[in-house]
Amino acid sequence: QLQLVESGGGLVQPGGSLRLSCAASGFTLDYYAIGWFRQAPGKEREGVSCISDSGGLNNYADSVKGRFTISRDNAKNMGYLQMNSLKPEDTAVYYCAARRRVCSYYSSEYNYWGQGTQVTVSS
């Protein structure tokens, strides 16, 4: 089985923080870029962030720059998304995904997907 599993979502107040985790099993993430996507009700899935296989190239959507930080730990076969200063508009189901080597903001180009974790930002 080749799969990704997200965890760490939940309900937080505006200005709060969450750390999402993405665990891979059945394959190693060493040669894969890890992307984070989100989908809010009634909206298209959008790219949030991506980190290259080496970790040397990171990409962020303009809406999350300065607030979110992507990272990875290949020894643990894990990816992470640290989310700070959360806003109500960040509310969505967050997905991690993996594709070979380099990042893409086109979701169709990712080979492996998690089931998603709900993030709700509300007072």
PDB file of N, CA and C in Angstrom:
ATOM      1  N   GLN A   1       0.821  -1.181   0.000  1.00  0.00           N
ATOM      2  CA  GLN A   1       0.000   0.000   0.000  1.00  0.00           C
ATOM      3  C   GLN A   1       0.871   1.253   0.000  1.00  0.00           C
ATOM      4  N   LEU A   2       0.535   2.165  -0.876  1.00  0.00           N
ATOM      5  CA  LEU A   2       1.203   3.460  -0.956  1.00  0.00           C
ATOM      6  C   LEU A   2       0.179   4.519  -0.548  1.00  0.00           C
ATOM      7  N   GLN A   3       0.445   5.202   0.539  1.00  0.00           N
ATOM      8  CA  GLN A   3      -0.545   6.148   1.009  1.00  0.00           C
ATOM      9  C   GLN A   3       0.076   7.276   1.823  1.00  0.00           C
ATOM     10  N   LEU A   4      -0.688   8.365   1.917  1.00  0.00           N
ATOM     11  CA  LEU A   4      -0.366   9.500   2.759  1.00  0.00           C
ATOM     12  C   LEU A   4      -1.521   9.713   3.729  1.00  0.00           C
ATOM     13  N   VAL A   5      -1.199  10.080   4.947  1.00  0.00           N
ATOM     14  CA  VAL A   5      -2.210  10.330   5.964  1.00  0.00           C
ATOM     15  C   VAL A   5      -1.918  11.653   6.647  1.00  0.00           C
ATOM     16  N   GLU A   6      -2.887  12.583   6.607  1.00  0.00           N
ATOM     17  CA  GLU A   6      -2.750  13.871   7.277  1.00  0.00           C
ATOM     18  C   GLU A   6      -3.282  13.789   8.697  1.00  0.00           C
ATOM     19  N   SER A   7      -2.750  14.641   9.550  1.00  0.00           N
ATOM     20  CA  SER A   7      -3.252  14.774  10.906  1.00  0.00           C
ATOM     21  C   SER A   7      -2.945  16.182  11.401  1.00  0.00           C
ATOM     22  N   GLY A   8      -3.582  16.575  12.490  1.00  0.00           N
ATOM     23  CA  GLY A   8      -3.289  17.846  13.126  1.00  0.00           C
ATOM     24  C   GLY A   8      -4.327  18.933  12.936  1.00  0.00           C
ATOM     25  N   GLY A   9      -5.356  18.663  12.152  1.00  0.00           N
ATOM     26  CA  GLY A   9      -6.396  19.653  11.960  1.00  0.00           C
ATOM     27  C   GLY A   9      -7.259  19.813  13.198  1.00  0.00           C
ATOM     28  N   GLY A  10      -8.100  20.832  13.172  1.00  0.00           N
ATOM     29  CA  GLY A  10      -8.979  21.077  14.297  1.00  0.00           C
ATOM     30  C   GLY A  10      -9.621  22.438  14.222  1.00  0.00           C
ATOM     31  N   LEU A  11     -10.231  22.841  15.323  1.00  0.00           N
ATOM     32  CA  LEU A  11     -10.901  24.127  15.444  1.00  0.00           C
ATOM     33  C   LEU A  11     -10.035  25.076  16.258  1.00  0.00           C
ATOM     34  N   VAL A  12      -9.749  26.243  15.683  1.00  0.00           N
ATOM     35  CA  VAL A  12      -8.945  27.249  16.367  1.00  0.00           C
ATOM     36  C   VAL A  12      -9.570  28.623  16.174  1.00  0.00           C
ATOM     37  N   GLN A  13      -9.249  29.534  17.082  1.00  0.00           N
ATOM     38  CA  GLN A  13      -9.697  30.911  16.958  1.00  0.00           C
ATOM     39  C   GLN A  13      -8.811  31.683  15.989  1.00  0.00           C
ATOM     40  N   PRO A  14      -9.334  32.746  15.388  1.00  0.00           N
ATOM     41  CA  PRO A  14      -8.478  33.587  14.551  1.00  0.00           C
ATOM     42  C   PRO A  14      -7.230  34.025  15.311  1.00  0.00           C
ATOM     43  N   GLY A  15      -6.099  33.971  14.629  1.00  0.00           N
ATOM     44  CA  GLY A  15      -4.828  34.280  15.256  1.00  0.00           C
ATOM     45  C   GLY A  15      -4.130  33.087  15.861  1.00  0.00           C
ATOM     46  N   GLY A  16      -4.799  31.959  15.930  1.00  0.00           N
ATOM     47  CA  GLY A  16      -4.228  30.759  16.488  1.00  0.00           C
ATOM     48  C   GLY A  16      -3.329  30.025  15.516  1.00  0.00           C
ATOM     49  N   SER A  17      -2.800  28.894  15.970  1.00  0.00           N
ATOM     50  CA  SER A  17      -1.855  28.118  15.184  1.00  0.00           C
ATOM     51  C   SER A  17      -2.220  26.642  15.180  1.00  0.00           C
ATOM     52  N   LEU A  18      -1.851  25.978  14.105  1.00  0.00           N
ATOM     53  CA  LEU A  18      -1.956  24.535  13.982  1.00  0.00           C
ATOM     54  C   LEU A  18      -0.746  24.023  13.221  1.00  0.00           C
ATOM     55  N   ARG A  19      -0.360  22.810  13.523  1.00  0.00           N
ATOM     56  CA  ARG A  19       0.696  22.142  12.773  1.00  0.00           C
ATOM     57  C   ARG A  19       0.131  20.870  12.162  1.00  0.00           C
ATOM     58  N   LEU A  20       0.123  20.820  10.845  1.00  0.00           N
ATOM     59  CA  LEU A  20      -0.351  19.646  10.138  1.00  0.00           C
ATOM     60  C   LEU A  20       0.811  18.717   9.818  1.00  0.00           C
ATOM     61  N   SER A  21       0.548  17.425   9.898  1.00  0.00           N
ATOM     62  CA  SER A  21       1.549  16.420   9.578  1.00  0.00           C
ATOM     63  C   SER A  21       1.060  15.548   8.435  1.00  0.00           C
ATOM     64  N   CYS A  22       1.996  15.054   7.659  1.00  0.00           N
ATOM     65  CA  CYS A  22       1.711  14.170   6.538  1.00  0.00           C
ATOM     66  C   CYS A  22       2.652  12.986   6.627  1.00  0.00           C
ATOM     67  N   ALA A  23       2.103  11.821   6.898  1.00  0.00           N
ATOM     68  CA  ALA A  23       2.896  10.607   7.057  1.00  0.00           C
ATOM     69  C   ALA A  23       2.759   9.720   5.828  1.00  0.00           C
ATOM     70  N   ALA A  24       3.882   9.287   5.297  1.00  0.00           N
ATOM     71  CA  ALA A  24       3.897   8.411   4.131  1.00  0.00           C
ATOM     72  C   ALA A  24       4.178   6.982   4.559  1.00  0.00           C
ATOM     73  N   SER A  25       3.526   6.054   3.896  1.00  0.00           N
ATOM     74  CA  SER A  25       3.800   4.640   4.117  1.00  0.00           C
ATOM     75  C   SER A  25       3.771   3.910   2.785  1.00  0.00           C
ATOM     76  N   GLY A  26       4.560   2.856   2.689  1.00  0.00           N
ATOM     77  CA  GLY A  26       4.631   2.083   1.460  1.00  0.00           C
ATOM     78  C   GLY A  26       5.632   2.610   0.453  1.00  0.00           C
ATOM     79  N   PHE A  27       6.162   3.798   0.687  1.00  0.00           N
ATOM     80  CA  PHE A  27       7.185   4.363  -0.184  1.00  0.00           C
ATOM     81  C   PHE A  27       7.959   5.408   0.599  1.00  0.00           C
ATOM     82  N   THR A  28       9.105   5.780   0.093  1.00  0.00           N
ATOM     83  CA  THR A  28       9.910   6.810   0.734  1.00  0.00           C
ATOM     84  C   THR A  28       9.683   8.150   0.047  1.00  0.00           C
ATOM     85  N   LEU A  29       9.652   9.203   0.840  1.00  0.00           N
ATOM     86  CA  LEU A  29       9.462  10.554   0.319  1.00  0.00           C
ATOM     87  C   LEU A  29      10.747  11.198  -0.183  1.00  0.00           C
ATOM     88  N   ASP A  30      11.851  10.482  -0.082  1.00  0.00           N
ATOM     89  CA  ASP A  30      13.156  11.065  -0.416  1.00  0.00           C
ATOM     90  C   ASP A  30      13.198  11.716  -1.792  1.00  0.00           C
ATOM     91  N   TYR A  31      12.542  11.107  -2.766  1.00  0.00           N
ATOM     92  CA  TYR A  31      12.611  11.582  -4.145  1.00  0.00           C
ATOM     93  C   TYR A  31      11.335  12.277  -4.597  1.00  0.00           C
ATOM     94  N   TYR A  32      10.530  12.711  -3.654  1.00  0.00           N
ATOM     95  CA  TYR A  32       9.259  13.351  -3.954  1.00  0.00           C
ATOM     96  C   TYR A  32       9.174  14.740  -3.363  1.00  0.00           C
ATOM     97  N   ALA A  33       8.573  15.631  -4.133  1.00  0.00           N
ATOM     98  CA  ALA A  33       8.140  16.898  -3.583  1.00  0.00           C
ATOM     99  C   ALA A  33       6.845  16.685  -2.810  1.00  0.00           C
ATOM    100  N   ILE A  34       6.652  17.464  -1.760  1.00  0.00           N
ATOM    101  CA  ILE A  34       5.438  17.381  -0.951  1.00  0.00           C
ATOM    102  C   ILE A  34       4.663  18.682  -1.104  1.00  0.00           C
ATOM    103  N   GLY A  35       3.425  18.561  -1.521  1.00  0.00           N
ATOM    104  CA  GLY A  35       2.570  19.724  -1.666  1.00  0.00           C
ATOM    105  C   GLY A  35       1.431  19.695  -0.669  1.00  0.00           C
ATOM    106  N   TRP A  36       0.977  20.888  -0.280  1.00  0.00           N
ATOM    107  CA  TRP A  36      -0.216  21.038   0.536  1.00  0.00           C
ATOM    108  C   TRP A  36      -1.254  21.811  -0.260  1.00  0.00           C
ATOM    109  N   PHE A  37      -2.461  21.283  -0.279  1.00  0.00           N
ATOM    110  CA  PHE A  37      -3.587  21.898  -0.955  1.00  0.00           C
ATOM    111  C   PHE A  37      -4.737  22.051   0.024  1.00  0.00           C
ATOM    112  N   ARG A  38      -5.656  22.919  -0.302  1.00  0.00           N
ATOM    113  CA  ARG A  38      -6.850  23.061   0.526  1.00  0.00           C
ATOM    114  C   ARG A  38      -8.063  23.301  -0.345  1.00  0.00           C
ATOM    115  N   GLN A  39      -9.208  22.912   0.190  1.00  0.00           N
ATOM    116  CA  GLN A  39     -10.456  23.114  -0.518  1.00  0.00           C
ATOM    117  C   GLN A  39     -11.540  23.536   0.475  1.00  0.00           C
ATOM    118  N   ALA A  40     -12.050  24.731   0.272  1.00  0.00           N
ATOM    119  CA  ALA A  40     -13.145  25.245   1.075  1.00  0.00           C
ATOM    120  C   ALA A  40     -14.467  24.894   0.403  1.00  0.00           C
ATOM    121  N   PRO A  41     -15.557  24.848   1.172  1.00  0.00           N
ATOM    122  CA  PRO A  41     -16.863  24.522   0.582  1.00  0.00           C
ATOM    123  C   PRO A  41     -17.209  25.445  -0.573  1.00  0.00           C
ATOM    124  N   GLY A  42     -17.603  24.855  -1.694  1.00  0.00           N
ATOM    125  CA  GLY A  42     -18.006  25.630  -2.856  1.00  0.00           C
ATOM    126  C   GLY A  42     -16.876  26.241  -3.658  1.00  0.00           C
ATOM    127  N   LYS A  43     -15.634  25.930  -3.306  1.00  0.00           N
ATOM    128  CA  LYS A  43     -14.495  26.502  -4.004  1.00  0.00           C
ATOM    129  C   LYS A  43     -13.617  25.413  -4.603  1.00  0.00           C
ATOM    130  N   GLU A  44     -12.802  25.814  -5.557  1.00  0.00           N
ATOM    131  CA  GLU A  44     -11.860  24.893  -6.173  1.00  0.00           C
ATOM    132  C   GLU A  44     -10.703  24.608  -5.228  1.00  0.00           C
ATOM    133  N   ARG A  45     -10.108  23.442  -5.403  1.00  0.00           N
ATOM    134  CA  ARG A  45      -8.912  23.111  -4.666  1.00  0.00           C
ATOM    135  C   ARG A  45      -7.783  24.047  -5.079  1.00  0.00           C
ATOM    136  N   GLU A  46      -7.056  24.569  -4.104  1.00  0.00           N
ATOM    137  CA  GLU A  46      -5.980  25.486  -4.400  1.00  0.00           C
ATOM    138  C   GLU A  46      -4.677  25.035  -3.748  1.00  0.00           C
ATOM    139  N   GLY A  47      -3.588  25.333  -4.415  1.00  0.00           N
ATOM    140  CA  GLY A  47      -2.286  25.044  -3.858  1.00  0.00           C
ATOM    141  C   GLY A  47      -1.954  26.011  -2.739  1.00  0.00           C
ATOM    142  N   VAL A  48      -1.400  25.501  -1.657  1.00  0.00           N
ATOM    143  CA  VAL A  48      -1.026  26.300  -0.496  1.00  0.00           C
ATOM    144  C   VAL A  48       0.482  26.443  -0.402  1.00  0.00           C
ATOM    145  N   SER A  49       1.180  25.321  -0.489  1.00  0.00           N
ATOM    146  CA  SER A  49       2.621  25.330  -0.345  1.00  0.00           C
ATOM    147  C   SER A  49       3.198  24.043  -0.899  1.00  0.00           C
ATOM    148  N   CYS A  50       4.482  24.075  -1.196  1.00  0.00           N
ATOM    149  CA  CYS A  50       5.159  22.892  -1.692  1.00  0.00           C
ATOM    150  C   CYS A  50       6.635  22.979  -1.345  1.00  0.00           C
ATOM    151  N   ILE A  51       7.225  21.822  -1.086  1.00  0.00           N
ATOM    152  CA  ILE A  51       8.648  21.739  -0.787  1.00  0.00           C
ATOM    153  C   ILE A  51       9.269  20.691  -1.695  1.00  0.00           C
ATOM    154  N   SER A  52      10.420  21.004  -2.252  1.00  0.00           N
ATOM    155  CA  SER A  52      11.086  20.102  -3.179  1.00  0.00           C
ATOM    156  C   SER A  52      11.645  18.884  -2.456  1.00  0.00           C
ATOM    157  N   ASP A  53      12.081  17.911  -3.233  1.00  0.00           N
ATOM    158  CA  ASP A  53      12.617  16.687  -2.636  1.00  0.00           C
ATOM    159  C   ASP A  53      13.807  16.957  -1.726  1.00  0.00           C
ATOM    160  N   SER A  54      14.647  17.914  -2.105  1.00  0.00           N
ATOM    161  CA  SER A  54      15.813  18.249  -1.304  1.00  0.00           C
ATOM    162  C   SER A  54      15.489  19.184  -0.143  1.00  0.00           C
ATOM    163  N   GLY A  55      14.332  19.811  -0.190  1.00  0.00           N
ATOM    164  CA  GLY A  55      13.975  20.801   0.804  1.00  0.00           C
ATOM    165  C   GLY A  55      14.543  22.172   0.528  1.00  0.00           C
ATOM    166  N   GLY A  56      15.249  22.324  -0.581  1.00  0.00           N
ATOM    167  CA  GLY A  56      15.913  23.574  -0.887  1.00  0.00           C
ATOM    168  C   GLY A  56      15.043  24.611  -1.563  1.00  0.00           C
ATOM    169  N   LEU A  57      13.909  24.195  -2.110  1.00  0.00           N
ATOM    170  CA  LEU A  57      13.006  25.103  -2.802  1.00  0.00           C
ATOM    171  C   LEU A  57      11.623  24.987  -2.185  1.00  0.00           C
ATOM    172  N   ASN A  58      11.144  26.106  -1.658  1.00  0.00           N
ATOM    173  CA  ASN A  58       9.824  26.159  -1.034  1.00  0.00           C
ATOM    174  C   ASN A  58       8.957  27.167  -1.767  1.00  0.00           C
ATOM    175  N   ASN A  59       7.698  26.828  -1.924  1.00  0.00           N
ATOM    176  CA  ASN A  59       6.742  27.705  -2.579  1.00  0.00           C
ATOM    177  C   ASN A  59       5.541  27.929  -1.679  1.00  0.00           C
ATOM    178  N   TYR A  60       5.014  29.163  -1.719  1.00  0.00           N
ATOM    179  CA  TYR A  60       3.843  29.509  -0.929  1.00  0.00           C
ATOM    180  C   TYR A  60       2.878  30.327  -1.758  1.00  0.00           C
ATOM    181  N   ALA A  61       1.597  30.070  -1.549  1.00  0.00           N
ATOM    182  CA  ALA A  61       0.596  30.943  -2.119  1.00  0.00           C
ATOM    183  C   ALA A  61       0.696  32.316  -1.464  1.00  0.00           C
ATOM    184  N   ASP A  62       0.394  33.368  -2.222  1.00  0.00           N
ATOM    185  CA  ASP A  62       0.487  34.718  -1.683  1.00  0.00           C
ATOM    186  C   ASP A  62      -0.360  34.894  -0.423  1.00  0.00           C
ATOM    187  N   SER A  63      -1.472  34.198  -0.361  1.00  0.00           N
ATOM    188  CA  SER A  63      -2.389  34.352   0.755  1.00  0.00           C
ATOM    189  C   SER A  63      -1.841  33.824   2.076  1.00  0.00           C
ATOM    190  N   VAL A  64      -0.793  32.988   2.031  1.00  0.00           N
ATOM    191  CA  VAL A  64      -0.266  32.398   3.256  1.00  0.00           C
ATOM    192  C   VAL A  64       1.183  32.774   3.526  1.00  0.00           C
ATOM    193  N   LYS A  65       1.813  33.504   2.635  1.00  0.00           N
ATOM    194  CA  LYS A  65       3.203  33.896   2.838  1.00  0.00           C
ATOM    195  C   LYS A  65       3.361  34.693   4.125  1.00  0.00           C
ATOM    196  N   GLY A  66       4.387  34.347   4.868  1.00  0.00           N
ATOM    197  CA  GLY A  66       4.636  35.003   6.134  1.00  0.00           C
ATOM    198  C   GLY A  66       3.893  34.408   7.303  1.00  0.00           C
ATOM    199  N   ARG A  67       2.937  33.528   7.027  1.00  0.00           N
ATOM    200  CA  ARG A  67       2.149  32.907   8.086  1.00  0.00           C
ATOM    201  C   ARG A  67       2.354  31.392   8.164  1.00  0.00           C
ATOM    202  N   PHE A  68       2.524  30.755   7.021  1.00  0.00           N
ATOM    203  CA  PHE A  68       2.688  29.301   6.962  1.00  0.00           C
ATOM    204  C   PHE A  68       4.136  28.954   6.656  1.00  0.00           C
ATOM    205  N   THR A  69       4.595  27.828   7.200  1.00  0.00           N
ATOM    206  CA  THR A  69       5.933  27.329   6.934  1.00  0.00           C
ATOM    207  C   THR A  69       5.871  25.844   6.625  1.00  0.00           C
ATOM    208  N   ILE A  70       6.432  25.462   5.488  1.00  0.00           N
ATOM    209  CA  ILE A  70       6.457  24.059   5.103  1.00  0.00           C
ATOM    210  C   ILE A  70       7.820  23.466   5.446  1.00  0.00           C
ATOM    211  N   SER A  71       7.826  22.203   5.833  1.00  0.00           N
ATOM    212  CA  SER A  71       9.075  21.526   6.154  1.00  0.00           C
ATOM    213  C   SER A  71       8.912  20.031   5.931  1.00  0.00           C
ATOM    214  N   ARG A  72      10.016  19.323   6.043  1.00  0.00           N
ATOM    215  CA  ARG A  72       9.973  17.879   5.889  1.00  0.00           C
ATOM    216  C   ARG A  72      11.069  17.236   6.712  1.00  0.00           C
ATOM    217  N   ASP A  73      10.876  15.966   7.030  1.00  0.00           N
ATOM    218  CA  ASP A  73      11.866  15.177   7.739  1.00  0.00           C
ATOM    219  C   ASP A  73      11.928  13.829   7.038  1.00  0.00           C
ATOM    220  N   ASN A  74      12.863  13.701   6.120  1.00  0.00           N
ATOM    221  CA  ASN A  74      12.941  12.484   5.318  1.00  0.00           C
ATOM    222  C   ASN A  74      13.258  11.248   6.162  1.00  0.00           C
ATOM    223  N   ALA A  75      14.014  11.429   7.235  1.00  0.00           N
ATOM    224  CA  ALA A  75      14.340  10.308   8.102  1.00  0.00           C
ATOM    225  C   ALA A  75      13.087   9.702   8.722  1.00  0.00           C
ATOM    226  N   LYS A  76      12.060  10.538   8.922  1.00  0.00           N
ATOM    227  CA  LYS A  76      10.799  10.074   9.485  1.00  0.00           C
ATOM    228  C   LYS A  76       9.732   9.841   8.431  1.00  0.00           C
ATOM    229  N   ASN A  77      10.068  10.097   7.168  1.00  0.00           N
ATOM    230  CA  ASN A  77       9.116   9.957   6.072  1.00  0.00           C
ATOM    231  C   ASN A  77       7.884  10.827   6.306  1.00  0.00           C
ATOM    232  N   MET A  78       8.136  12.079   6.711  1.00  0.00           N
ATOM    233  CA  MET A  78       7.062  12.982   7.108  1.00  0.00           C
ATOM    234  C   MET A  78       7.193  14.342   6.444  1.00  0.00           C
ATOM    235  N   GLY A  79       6.065  14.972   6.225  1.00  0.00           N
ATOM    236  CA  GLY A  79       6.000  16.361   5.827  1.00  0.00           C
ATOM    237  C   GLY A  79       5.163  17.130   6.829  1.00  0.00           C
ATOM    238  N   TYR A  80       5.380  18.459   6.898  1.00  0.00           N
ATOM    239  CA  TYR A  80       4.692  19.282   7.891  1.00  0.00           C
ATOM    240  C   TYR A  80       4.275  20.609   7.278  1.00  0.00           C
ATOM    241  N   LEU A  81       3.227  21.170   7.831  1.00  0.00           N
ATOM    242  CA  LEU A  81       2.810  22.519   7.498  1.00  0.00           C
ATOM    243  C   LEU A  81       2.461  23.234   8.792  1.00  0.00           C
ATOM    244  N   GLN A  82       3.308  24.178   9.185  1.00  0.00           N
ATOM    245  CA  GLN A  82       3.052  25.000  10.356  1.00  0.00           C
ATOM    246  C   GLN A  82       2.228  26.207   9.934  1.00  0.00           C
ATOM    247  N   MET A  83       1.087  26.390  10.558  1.00  0.00           N
ATOM    248  CA  MET A  83       0.166  27.464  10.201  1.00  0.00           C
ATOM    249  C   MET A  83       0.001  28.391  11.396  1.00  0.00           C
ATOM    250  N   ASN A  84       0.427  29.631  11.241  1.00  0.00           N
ATOM    251  CA  ASN A  84       0.322  30.640  12.284  1.00  0.00           C
ATOM    252  C   ASN A  84      -0.589  31.769  11.828  1.00  0.00           C
ATOM    253  N   SER A  85      -1.029  32.565  12.786  1.00  0.00           N
ATOM    254  CA  SER A  85      -1.882  33.725  12.500  1.00  0.00           C
ATOM    255  C   SER A  85      -3.050  33.346  11.600  1.00  0.00           C
ATOM    256  N   LEU A  86      -3.728  32.290  11.969  1.00  0.00           N
ATOM    257  CA  LEU A  86      -4.798  31.762  11.129  1.00  0.00           C
ATOM    258  C   LEU A  86      -5.967  32.727  11.027  1.00  0.00           C
ATOM    259  N   LYS A  87      -6.568  32.743   9.849  1.00  0.00           N
ATOM    260  CA  LYS A  87      -7.696  33.603   9.534  1.00  0.00           C
ATOM    261  C   LYS A  87      -8.908  32.757   9.178  1.00  0.00           C
ATOM    262  N   PRO A  88     -10.112  33.302   9.334  1.00  0.00           N
ATOM    263  CA  PRO A  88     -11.301  32.538   8.954  1.00  0.00           C
ATOM    264  C   PRO A  88     -11.256  32.035   7.516  1.00  0.00           C
ATOM    265  N   GLU A  89     -10.653  32.792   6.615  1.00  0.00           N
ATOM    266  CA  GLU A  89     -10.569  32.370   5.228  1.00  0.00           C
ATOM    267  C   GLU A  89      -9.624  31.192   5.005  1.00  0.00           C
ATOM    268  N   ASP A  90      -8.883  30.796   6.040  1.00  0.00           N
ATOM    269  CA  ASP A  90      -8.059  29.594   5.959  1.00  0.00           C
ATOM    270  C   ASP A  90      -8.873  28.325   6.190  1.00  0.00           C
ATOM    271  N   THR A  91     -10.106  28.470   6.589  1.00  0.00           N
ATOM    272  CA  THR A  91     -10.959  27.311   6.842  1.00  0.00           C
ATOM    273  C   THR A  91     -11.121  26.481   5.577  1.00  0.00           C
ATOM    274  N   ALA A  92     -10.790  25.203   5.666  1.00  0.00           N
ATOM    275  CA  ALA A  92     -10.835  24.313   4.511  1.00  0.00           C
ATOM    276  C   ALA A  92     -10.425  22.915   4.949  1.00  0.00           C
ATOM    277  N   VAL A  93     -10.618  21.968   4.055  1.00  0.00           N
ATOM    278  CA  VAL A  93     -10.000  20.661   4.209  1.00  0.00           C
ATOM    279  C   VAL A  93      -8.614  20.740   3.583  1.00  0.00           C
ATOM    280  N   TYR A  94      -7.607  20.356   4.338  1.00  0.00           N
ATOM    281  CA  TYR A  94      -6.229  20.420   3.878  1.00  0.00           C
ATOM    282  C   TYR A  94      -5.737  19.030   3.492  1.00  0.00           C
ATOM    283  N   TYR A  95      -5.098  18.952   2.339  1.00  0.00           N
ATOM    284  CA  TYR A  95      -4.588  17.704   1.810  1.00  0.00           C
ATOM    285  C   TYR A  95      -3.085  17.804   1.596  1.00  0.00           C
ATOM    286  N   CYS A  96      -2.378  16.728   1.891  1.00  0.00           N
ATOM    287  CA  CYS A  96      -1.000  16.634   1.446  1.00  0.00           C
ATOM    288  C   CYS A  96      -0.939  15.732   0.232  1.00  0.00           C
ATOM    289  N   ALA A  97       0.044  15.974  -0.604  1.00  0.00           N
ATOM    290  CA  ALA A  97       0.201  15.220  -1.831  1.00  0.00           C
ATOM    291  C   ALA A  97       1.680  15.118  -2.170  1.00  0.00           C
ATOM    292  N   ALA A  98       2.022  14.149  -2.992  1.00  0.00           N
ATOM    293  CA  ALA A  98       3.411  13.940  -3.370  1.00  0.00           C
ATOM    294  C   ALA A  98       3.526  13.695  -4.865  1.00  0.00           C
ATOM    295  N   ARG A  99       4.580  14.246  -5.445  1.00  0.00           N
ATOM    296  CA  ARG A  99       4.911  14.001  -6.828  1.00  0.00           C
ATOM    297  C   ARG A  99       6.422  13.942  -6.960  1.00  0.00           C
ATOM    298  N   ARG A 100       6.890  13.400  -8.043  1.00  0.00           N
ATOM    299  CA  ARG A 100       8.305  13.177  -8.240  1.00  0.00           C
ATOM    300  C   ARG A 100       9.090  14.479  -8.288  1.00  0.00           C
ATOM    301  N   ARG A 101      10.074  14.579  -7.431  1.00  0.00           N
ATOM    302  CA  ARG A 101      11.129  15.585  -7.438  1.00  0.00           C
ATOM    303  C   ARG A 101      10.711  17.033  -7.215  1.00  0.00           C
ATOM    304  N   VAL A 102       9.991  17.620  -8.185  1.00  0.00           N
ATOM    305  CA  VAL A 102       9.785  19.059  -8.173  1.00  0.00           C
ATOM    306  C   VAL A 102       8.329  19.423  -7.930  1.00  0.00           C
ATOM    307  N   CYS A 103       8.124  20.654  -7.473  1.00  0.00           N
ATOM    308  CA  CYS A 103       6.806  21.126  -7.103  1.00  0.00           C
ATOM    309  C   CYS A 103       5.965  21.518  -8.307  1.00  0.00           C
ATOM    310  N   SER A 104       4.669  21.414  -8.126  1.00  0.00           N
ATOM    311  CA  SER A 104       3.690  21.891  -9.083  1.00  0.00           C
ATOM    312  C   SER A 104       2.456  22.335  -8.318  1.00  0.00           C
ATOM    313  N   TYR A 105       1.821  23.419  -8.778  1.00  0.00           N
ATOM    314  CA  TYR A 105       0.569  23.853  -8.171  1.00  0.00           C
ATOM    315  C   TYR A 105      -0.652  23.277  -8.885  1.00  0.00           C
ATOM    316  N   TYR A 106      -0.417  22.408  -9.852  1.00  0.00           N
ATOM    317  CA  TYR A 106      -1.502  21.699 -10.516  1.00  0.00           C
ATOM    318  C   TYR A 106      -1.749  20.391  -9.771  1.00  0.00           C
ATOM    319  N   SER A 107      -2.890  20.282  -9.151  1.00  0.00           N
ATOM    320  CA  SER A 107      -3.178  19.110  -8.335  1.00  0.00           C
ATOM    321  C   SER A 107      -3.180  17.823  -9.143  1.00  0.00           C
ATOM    322  N   SER A 108      -3.517  17.905 -10.426  1.00  0.00           N
ATOM    323  CA  SER A 108      -3.577  16.718 -11.265  1.00  0.00           C
ATOM    324  C   SER A 108      -2.212  16.092 -11.495  1.00  0.00           C
ATOM    325  N   GLU A 109      -1.151  16.816 -11.199  1.00  0.00           N
ATOM    326  CA  GLU A 109       0.190  16.313 -11.430  1.00  0.00           C
ATOM    327  C   GLU A 109       0.775  15.591 -10.221  1.00  0.00           C
ATOM    328  N   TYR A 110       0.013  15.479  -9.160  1.00  0.00           N
ATOM    329  CA  TYR A 110       0.469  14.762  -7.968  1.00  0.00           C
ATOM    330  C   TYR A 110      -0.048  13.327  -7.984  1.00  0.00           C
ATOM    331  N   ASN A 111       0.811  12.412  -7.612  1.00  0.00           N
ATOM    332  CA  ASN A 111       0.521  10.987  -7.723  1.00  0.00           C
ATOM    333  C   ASN A 111      -0.159  10.407  -6.490  1.00  0.00           C
ATOM    334  N   TYR A 112       0.210  10.896  -5.329  1.00  0.00           N
ATOM    335  CA  TYR A 112      -0.291  10.353  -4.072  1.00  0.00           C
ATOM    336  C   TYR A 112      -0.974  11.433  -3.267  1.00  0.00           C
ATOM    337  N   TRP A 113      -2.082  11.066  -2.643  1.00  0.00           N
ATOM    338  CA  TRP A 113      -2.894  12.005  -1.881  1.00  0.00           C
ATOM    339  C   TRP A 113      -3.341  11.411  -0.566  1.00  0.00           C
ATOM    340  N   GLY A 114      -3.418  12.260   0.438  1.00  0.00           N
ATOM    341  CA  GLY A 114      -4.045  11.880   1.683  1.00  0.00           C
ATOM    342  C   GLY A 114      -5.541  12.113   1.624  1.00  0.00           C
ATOM    343  N   GLN A 115      -6.233  11.715   2.677  1.00  0.00           N
ATOM    344  CA  GLN A 115      -7.683  11.852   2.733  1.00  0.00           C
ATOM    345  C   GLN A 115      -8.143  13.231   3.185  1.00  0.00           C
ATOM    346  N   GLY A 116      -7.246  14.023   3.715  1.00  0.00           N
ATOM    347  CA  GLY A 116      -7.572  15.368   4.134  1.00  0.00           C
ATOM    348  C   GLY A 116      -7.826  15.477   5.626  1.00  0.00           C
ATOM    349  N   THR A 117      -7.576  16.666   6.160  1.00  0.00           N
ATOM    350  CA  THR A 117      -7.862  16.967   7.551  1.00  0.00           C
ATOM    351  C   THR A 117      -8.527  18.337   7.626  1.00  0.00           C
ATOM    352  N   GLN A 118      -9.577  18.437   8.423  1.00  0.00           N
ATOM    353  CA  GLN A 118     -10.365  19.658   8.500  1.00  0.00           C
ATOM    354  C   GLN A 118      -9.683  20.697   9.377  1.00  0.00           C
ATOM    355  N   VAL A 119      -9.581  21.909   8.860  1.00  0.00           N
ATOM    356  CA  VAL A 119      -9.115  23.058   9.625  1.00  0.00           C
ATOM    357  C   VAL A 119     -10.234  24.086   9.638  1.00  0.00           C
ATOM    358  N   THR A 120     -10.677  24.453  10.822  1.00  0.00           N
ATOM    359  CA  THR A 120     -11.737  25.437  10.968  1.00  0.00           C
ATOM    360  C   THR A 120     -11.240  26.573  11.843  1.00  0.00           C
ATOM    361  N   VAL A 121     -11.299  27.790  11.318  1.00  0.00           N
ATOM    362  CA  VAL A 121     -10.859  28.977  12.037  1.00  0.00           C
ATOM    363  C   VAL A 121     -12.091  29.839  12.292  1.00  0.00           C
ATOM    364  N   SER A 122     -12.485  29.933  13.534  1.00  0.00           N
ATOM    365  CA  SER A 122     -13.704  30.647  13.881  1.00  0.00           C
ATOM    366  C   SER A 122     -13.655  31.088  15.333  1.00  0.00           C
ATOM    367  N   SER A 123     -14.266  32.231  15.601  1.00  0.00           N
ATOM    368  CA  SER A 123     -14.393  32.720  16.959  1.00  0.00           C
ATOM    369  C   SER A 123     -15.679  32.237  17.602  1.00  0.00           C
TER     370      SER A 123
END
